[in-house]
C-alpha atoms as a PDB file:
ATOM      1  CA  MET A   1      50.305 -53.634 -70.758  1.00  0.00           C
ATOM      2  CA  LEU A   2      46.747 -52.358 -71.180  1.00  0.00           C
ATOM      3  CA  SER A   3      45.157 -55.918 -71.122  1.00  0.00           C
ATOM      4  CA  ASN A   4      45.794 -56.485 -67.519  1.00  0.00           C
ATOM      5  CA  LEU A   5      43.705 -53.529 -66.166  1.00  0.00           C
ATOM      6  CA  PRO A   6      40.475 -54.117 -64.463  1.00  0.00           C
ATOM      7  CA  PRO A   7      37.355 -52.586 -66.045  1.00  0.00           C
ATOM      8  CA  VAL A   8      36.332 -49.379 -64.510  1.00  0.00           C
ATOM      9  CA  ALA A   9      33.427 -46.937 -64.683  1.00  0.00           C
ATOM     10  CA  PRO A  10      34.051 -44.476 -67.684  1.00  0.00           C
ATOM     11  CA  SER A  11      35.784 -41.328 -66.512  1.00  0.00           C
ATOM     12  CA  ALA A  12      37.177 -39.517 -69.520  1.00  0.00           C
ATOM     13  CA  ARG A  13      39.082 -37.020 -67.401  1.00  0.00           C
ATOM     14  CA  ILE A  14      42.263 -35.982 -66.082  1.00  0.00           C
ATOM     15  CA  SER A  15      42.701 -36.581 -62.286  1.00  0.00           C
ATOM     16  CA  SER A  16      46.141 -35.051 -61.923  1.00  0.00           C
ATOM     17  CA  ILE A  17      48.601 -33.167 -63.984  1.00  0.00           C
ATOM     18  CA  GLU A  18      52.307 -32.563 -63.596  1.00  0.00           C
ATOM     19  CA  LEU A  19      54.721 -30.352 -65.470  1.00  0.00           C
ATOM     20  CA  ASP A  20      58.358 -31.462 -66.121  1.00  0.00           C
ATOM     21  CA  GLU A  21      59.849 -28.869 -63.743  1.00  0.00           C
ATOM     22  CA  THR A  22      63.418 -29.644 -65.197  1.00  0.00           C
ATOM     23  CA  THR A  23      62.479 -27.787 -68.336  1.00  0.00           C
ATOM     24  CA  ILE A  24      61.298 -24.644 -66.618  1.00  0.00           C
ATOM     25  CA  LEU A  25      64.205 -22.348 -65.705  1.00  0.00           C
ATOM     26  CA  ARG A  26      62.302 -19.627 -64.045  1.00  0.00           C
ATOM     27  CA  ARG A  27      58.879 -18.332 -63.320  1.00  0.00           C
ATOM     28  CA  ASN A  28      57.751 -14.955 -62.091  1.00  0.00           C
ATOM     29  CA  ASP A  29      54.782 -14.547 -59.740  1.00  0.00           C
ATOM     30  CA  ASP A  30      52.361 -13.698 -62.575  1.00  0.00           C
ATOM     31  CA  ILE A  31      53.307 -16.810 -64.475  1.00  0.00           C
ATOM     32  CA  GLU A  32      53.214 -18.954 -61.314  1.00  0.00           C
ATOM     33  CA  GLN A  33      49.588 -17.871 -60.683  1.00  0.00           C
ATOM     34  CA  GLU A  34      48.582 -18.658 -64.076  1.00  0.00           C
ATOM     35  CA  ARG A  35      49.983 -22.057 -63.786  1.00  0.00           C
ATOM     36  CA  ARG A  36      48.237 -22.657 -60.447  1.00  0.00           C
ATOM     37  CA  VAL A  37      44.987 -21.474 -61.834  1.00  0.00           C
ATOM     38  CA  ALA A  38      45.180 -23.475 -65.013  1.00  0.00           C
ATOM     39  CA  VAL A  39      46.128 -26.771 -62.936  1.00  0.00           C
ATOM     40  CA  PHE A  40      43.336 -26.108 -60.509  1.00  0.00           C
ATOM     41  CA  ASP A  41      40.626 -25.355 -63.018  1.00  0.00           C
ATOM     42  CA  LEU A  42      41.675 -28.259 -65.242  1.00  0.00           C
ATOM     43  CA  ILE A  43      41.381 -30.871 -62.372  1.00  0.00           C
ATOM     44  CA  GLU A  44      38.116 -29.522 -61.402  1.00  0.00           C
ATOM     45  CA  ASP A  45      36.429 -29.642 -64.886  1.00  0.00           C
ATOM     46  CA  ASN A  46      38.012 -31.327 -67.934  1.00  0.00           C
ATOM     47  CA  VAL A  47      37.294 -33.800 -70.666  1.00  0.00           C
ATOM     48  CA  PHE A  48      40.170 -36.068 -71.656  1.00  0.00           C
ATOM     49  CA  LYS A  49      39.857 -39.238 -73.551  1.00  0.00           C
ATOM     50  CA  PRO A  50      42.766 -40.714 -75.166  1.00  0.00           C
ATOM     51  CA  LEU A  51      41.384 -42.693 -77.939  1.00  0.00           C
ATOM     52  CA  ARG A  52      43.883 -45.489 -78.253  1.00  0.00           C
ATOM     53  CA  ILE A  53      43.891 -46.282 -74.544  1.00  0.00           C
ATOM     54  CA  TRP A  54      40.035 -45.983 -74.429  1.00  0.00           C
ATOM     55  CA  ASP A  55      39.536 -48.318 -77.256  1.00  0.00           C
ATOM     56  CA  ALA A  56      41.836 -50.793 -75.376  1.00  0.00           C
ATOM     57  CA  GLY A  57      39.492 -50.867 -72.478  1.00  0.00           C
ATOM     58  CA  TYR A  58      40.931 -48.475 -70.150  1.00  0.00           C
ATOM     59  CA  HIS A  59      38.462 -45.717 -69.393  1.00  0.00           C
ATOM     60  CA  GLY A  60      40.082 -43.252 -66.905  1.00  0.00           C
ATOM     61  CA  PRO A  61      40.710 -41.239 -64.988  1.00  0.00           C
ATOM     62  CA  TYR A  62      44.207 -40.315 -66.138  1.00  0.00           C
ATOM     63  CA  ALA A  63      47.256 -38.925 -64.602  1.00  0.00           C
ATOM     64  CA  VAL A  64      49.134 -36.727 -67.234  1.00  0.00           C
ATOM     65  CA  ARG A  65      52.625 -35.417 -67.181  1.00  0.00           C
ATOM     66  CA  LEU A  66      53.683 -32.714 -69.818  1.00  0.00           C
ATOM     67  CA  ALA A  67      57.296 -32.155 -70.812  1.00  0.00           C
ATOM     68  CA  VAL A  68      59.067 -30.735 -73.889  1.00  0.00           C
ATOM     69  CA  HIS A  69      61.856 -32.689 -75.425  1.00  0.00           C
ATOM     70  CA  ASP A  70      63.639 -31.707 -78.664  1.00  0.00           C
ATOM     71  CA  GLY A  71      60.806 -29.231 -79.624  1.00  0.00           C
ATOM     72  CA  ARG A  72      58.107 -31.768 -79.106  1.00  0.00           C
ATOM     73  CA  LEU A  73      55.321 -31.963 -76.434  1.00  0.00           C
ATOM     74  CA  SER A  74      55.420 -35.246 -74.467  1.00  0.00           C
ATOM     75  CA  MET A  75      52.172 -36.121 -72.883  1.00  0.00           C
ATOM     76  CA  GLU A  76      52.705 -39.061 -70.749  1.00  0.00           C
ATOM     77  CA  ILE A  77      49.309 -40.680 -69.847  1.00  0.00           C
ATOM     78  CA  SER A  78      49.236 -42.894 -66.803  1.00  0.00           C
ATOM     79  CA  ASP A  79      46.701 -44.663 -64.668  1.00  0.00           C
ATOM     80  CA  GLY A  80      45.017 -41.999 -62.617  1.00  0.00           C
ATOM     81  CA  ARG A  81      42.711 -44.111 -60.311  1.00  0.00           C
ATOM     82  CA  GLU A  82      43.278 -43.607 -56.666  1.00  0.00           C
ATOM     83  CA  GLY A  83      45.730 -46.418 -55.399  1.00  0.00           C
ATOM     84  CA  HIS A  84      46.704 -47.309 -58.992  1.00  0.00           C
ATOM     85  CA  GLU A  85      48.573 -44.060 -60.030  1.00  0.00           C
ATOM     86  CA  GLY A  86      51.766 -44.323 -61.953  1.00  0.00           C
ATOM     87  CA  GLU A  87      51.298 -47.105 -64.581  1.00  0.00           C
ATOM     88  CA  LEU A  88      52.272 -45.505 -67.840  1.00  0.00           C
ATOM     89  CA  LEU A  89      49.674 -46.372 -70.475  1.00  0.00           C
ATOM     90  CA  GLU A  90      50.702 -44.225 -73.401  1.00  0.00           C
ATOM     91  CA  THR A  91      53.034 -41.299 -74.442  1.00  0.00           C
ATOM     92  CA  ILE A  92      51.644 -38.972 -77.101  1.00  0.00           C
ATOM     93  CA  MET A  93      54.281 -36.804 -78.856  1.00  0.00           C
ATOM     94  CA  LEU A  94      53.170 -33.600 -80.545  1.00  0.00           C
ATOM     95  CA  GLY A  95      55.438 -31.407 -82.655  1.00  0.00           C
ATOM     96  CA  LEU A  96      55.367 -27.835 -81.294  1.00  0.00           C
ATOM     97  CA  GLY A  97      56.355 -25.976 -84.456  1.00  0.00           C
ATOM     98  CA  ARG A  98      53.030 -24.903 -85.281  1.00  0.00           C
ATOM     99  CA  PHE A  99      52.616 -23.535 -81.702  1.00  0.00           C
ATOM    100  CA  ARG A 100      55.645 -21.310 -81.608  1.00  0.00           C
ATOM    101  CA  ARG A 101      53.993 -18.229 -82.954  1.00  0.00           C
ATOM    102  CA  SER A 102      51.022 -18.522 -80.606  1.00  0.00           C
ATOM    103  CA  ILE A 103      53.336 -19.088 -77.624  1.00  0.00           C
ATOM    104  CA  ARG A 104      55.342 -15.932 -78.531  1.00  0.00           C
ATOM    105  CA  GLU A 105      52.279 -13.805 -79.052  1.00  0.00           C
ATOM    106  CA  TYR A 106      50.863 -15.185 -75.739  1.00  0.00           C
ATOM    107  CA  PHE A 107      53.982 -14.505 -73.812  1.00  0.00           C
ATOM    108  CA  ALA A 108      53.984 -10.919 -75.267  1.00  0.00           C
ATOM    109  CA  ILE A 109      50.392 -10.062 -74.633  1.00  0.00           C
ATOM    110  CA  CYS A 110      50.637 -11.586 -71.126  1.00  0.00           C
ATOM    111  CA  GLU A 111      53.504  -9.267 -70.380  1.00  0.00           C
ATOM    112  CA  SER A 112      51.563  -6.317 -71.647  1.00  0.00           C
ATOM    113  CA  TYR A 113      48.626  -7.418 -69.602  1.00  0.00           C
ATOM    114  CA  TYR A 114      50.724  -7.770 -66.335  1.00  0.00           C
ATOM    115  CA  GLN A 115      52.215  -4.391 -66.716  1.00  0.00           C
ATOM    116  CA  ALA A 116      48.629  -2.812 -67.697  1.00  0.00           C
ATOM    117  CA  ILE A 117      46.999  -4.223 -64.574  1.00  0.00           C
ATOM    118  CA  ARG A 118      49.503  -2.356 -62.403  1.00  0.00           C
ATOM    119  CA  LYS A 119      49.089   1.031 -64.132  1.00  0.00           C
ATOM    120  CA  ALA A 120      46.668   1.234 -67.032  1.00  0.00           C
ATOM    121  CA  SER A 121      43.184   2.353 -67.307  1.00  0.00           C
ATOM    122  CA  ALA A 122      40.301  -0.204 -67.029  1.00  0.00           C
ATOM    123  CA  LYS A 123      39.610   0.407 -70.768  1.00  0.00           C
ATOM    124  CA  GLU A 124      43.253  -0.316 -71.667  1.00  0.00           C
ATOM    125  CA  ILE A 125      43.208  -3.513 -69.476  1.00  0.00           C
ATOM    126  CA  GLU A 126      40.014  -4.635 -71.069  1.00  0.00           C
ATOM    127  CA  THR A 127      41.424  -4.136 -74.654  1.00  0.00           C
ATOM    128  CA  ILE A 128      44.679  -6.152 -73.848  1.00  0.00           C
ATOM    129  CA  ASP A 129      42.635  -8.905 -72.116  1.00  0.00           C
ATOM    130  CA  MET A 130      40.412  -9.385 -75.129  1.00  0.00           C
ATOM    131  CA  ALA A 131      43.658  -9.620 -77.333  1.00  0.00           C
ATOM    132  CA  ARG A 132      45.019 -12.175 -74.814  1.00  0.00           C
ATOM    133  CA  ARG A 133      41.890 -14.195 -74.779  1.00  0.00           C
ATOM    134  CA  GLY A 134      41.845 -14.124 -78.738  1.00  0.00           C
ATOM    135  CA  VAL A 135      45.483 -15.456 -78.816  1.00  0.00           C
ATOM    136  CA  HIS A 136      44.618 -18.019 -76.143  1.00  0.00           C
ATOM    137  CA  ASN A 137      41.460 -19.190 -78.101  1.00  0.00           C
ATOM    138  CA  HIS A 138      43.262 -19.589 -81.338  1.00  0.00           C
ATOM    139  CA  ALA A 139      45.991 -21.552 -79.693  1.00  0.00           C
ATOM    140  CA  ALA A 140      43.429 -23.820 -78.018  1.00  0.00           C
ATOM    141  CA  GLU A 141      41.737 -24.531 -81.386  1.00  0.00           C
ATOM    142  CA  LEU A 142      45.190 -25.445 -82.858  1.00  0.00           C
ATOM    143  CA  LEU A 143      45.757 -27.826 -79.882  1.00  0.00           C
ATOM    144  CA  LEU A 144      42.295 -29.425 -80.634  1.00  0.00           C
ATOM    145  CA  GLU A 145      43.341 -29.877 -84.329  1.00  0.00           C
ATOM    146  CA  ARG A 146      46.716 -31.390 -83.253  1.00  0.00           C
ATOM    147  CA  LEU A 147      45.017 -33.803 -80.742  1.00  0.00           C
ATOM    148  CA  GLU A 148      42.433 -34.905 -83.157  1.00  0.00           C
ATOM    149  CA  GLY A 149      42.372 -38.719 -83.699  1.00  0.00           C
ATOM    150  CA  LYS A 150      44.672 -39.098 -80.631  1.00  0.00           C
ATOM    151  CA  VAL A 151      42.625 -37.488 -77.778  1.00  0.00           C
ATOM    152  CA  GLU A 152      39.084 -36.241 -77.523  1.00  0.00           C
ATOM    153  CA  THR A 153      38.765 -33.013 -75.412  1.00  0.00           C
ATOM    154  CA  ASP A 154      36.790 -29.922 -74.990  1.00  0.00           C
ATOM    155  CA  PHE A 155      37.595 -26.303 -75.568  1.00  0.00           C
ATOM    156  CA  PRO A 156      38.183 -25.350 -72.019  1.00  0.00           C
ATOM    157  CA  THR A 157      40.416 -28.265 -71.374  1.00  0.00           C
ATOM    158  CA  ALA A 158      42.536 -27.303 -74.515  1.00  0.00           C
ATOM    159  CA  ARG A 159      42.799 -23.855 -73.432  1.00  0.00           C
ATOM    160  CA  ARG A 160      44.138 -24.864 -69.957  1.00  0.00           C
ATOM    161  CA  LEU A 161      46.583 -27.449 -71.492  1.00  0.00           C
ATOM    162  CA  PHE A 162      47.871 -24.616 -73.753  1.00  0.00           C
ATOM    163  CA  THR A 163      48.484 -22.485 -70.814  1.00  0.00           C
ATOM    164  CA  LEU A 164      50.659 -25.086 -69.317  1.00  0.00           C
ATOM    165  CA  ILE A 165      52.443 -25.754 -72.525  1.00  0.00           C
ATOM    166  CA  CYS A 166      53.388 -22.117 -72.332  1.00  0.00           C
ATOM    167  CA  VAL A 167      54.654 -22.540 -68.938  1.00  0.00           C
ATOM    168  CA  LEU A 168      56.915 -25.316 -70.021  1.00  0.00           C
ATOM    169  CA  HIS A 169      58.528 -22.978 -72.743  1.00  0.00           C
ATOM    170  CA  ILE A 170      59.734 -20.409 -70.140  1.00  0.00           C
ATOM    171  CA  LYS A 171      63.489 -19.977 -70.354  1.00  0.00           C
ATOM    172  CA  ALA A 172      65.569 -17.592 -68.503  1.00  0.00           C
END
């Protein structure tokens, strides 16, 4: 599959990202805004180098589709070059068991944050936001560990990907 790809200038980045909308039952306005910001920021600035594909000679950019199936994250990586979109290059599966606590904590702290920005003092909002960033940073570090040997990425990209993984976990 990869041997037919023409050589391209290296572009170790995600050019588009899609979430499997069938796994998302509902999103409130706050979560939808988080998703929009994460997608926008991710596309604007990211580092994403799937090692097996890269070593086989395909050097990006990549289109990524995230989905959750049977408690595992499915990261479908396709050709992301303009005019070539869609050719599936690889699917990386990651068990999500180690993320469950971080996802629960992130949802809980986000809910507190959304409530606080509507009625709390600036000091209370700042305290909750610091806790939220701490949970988010820890989860991004965990994602970097889980991607080791599969995908090289940077910390900001891992943070944004974790946000999108959380969005995929929203149930009614």
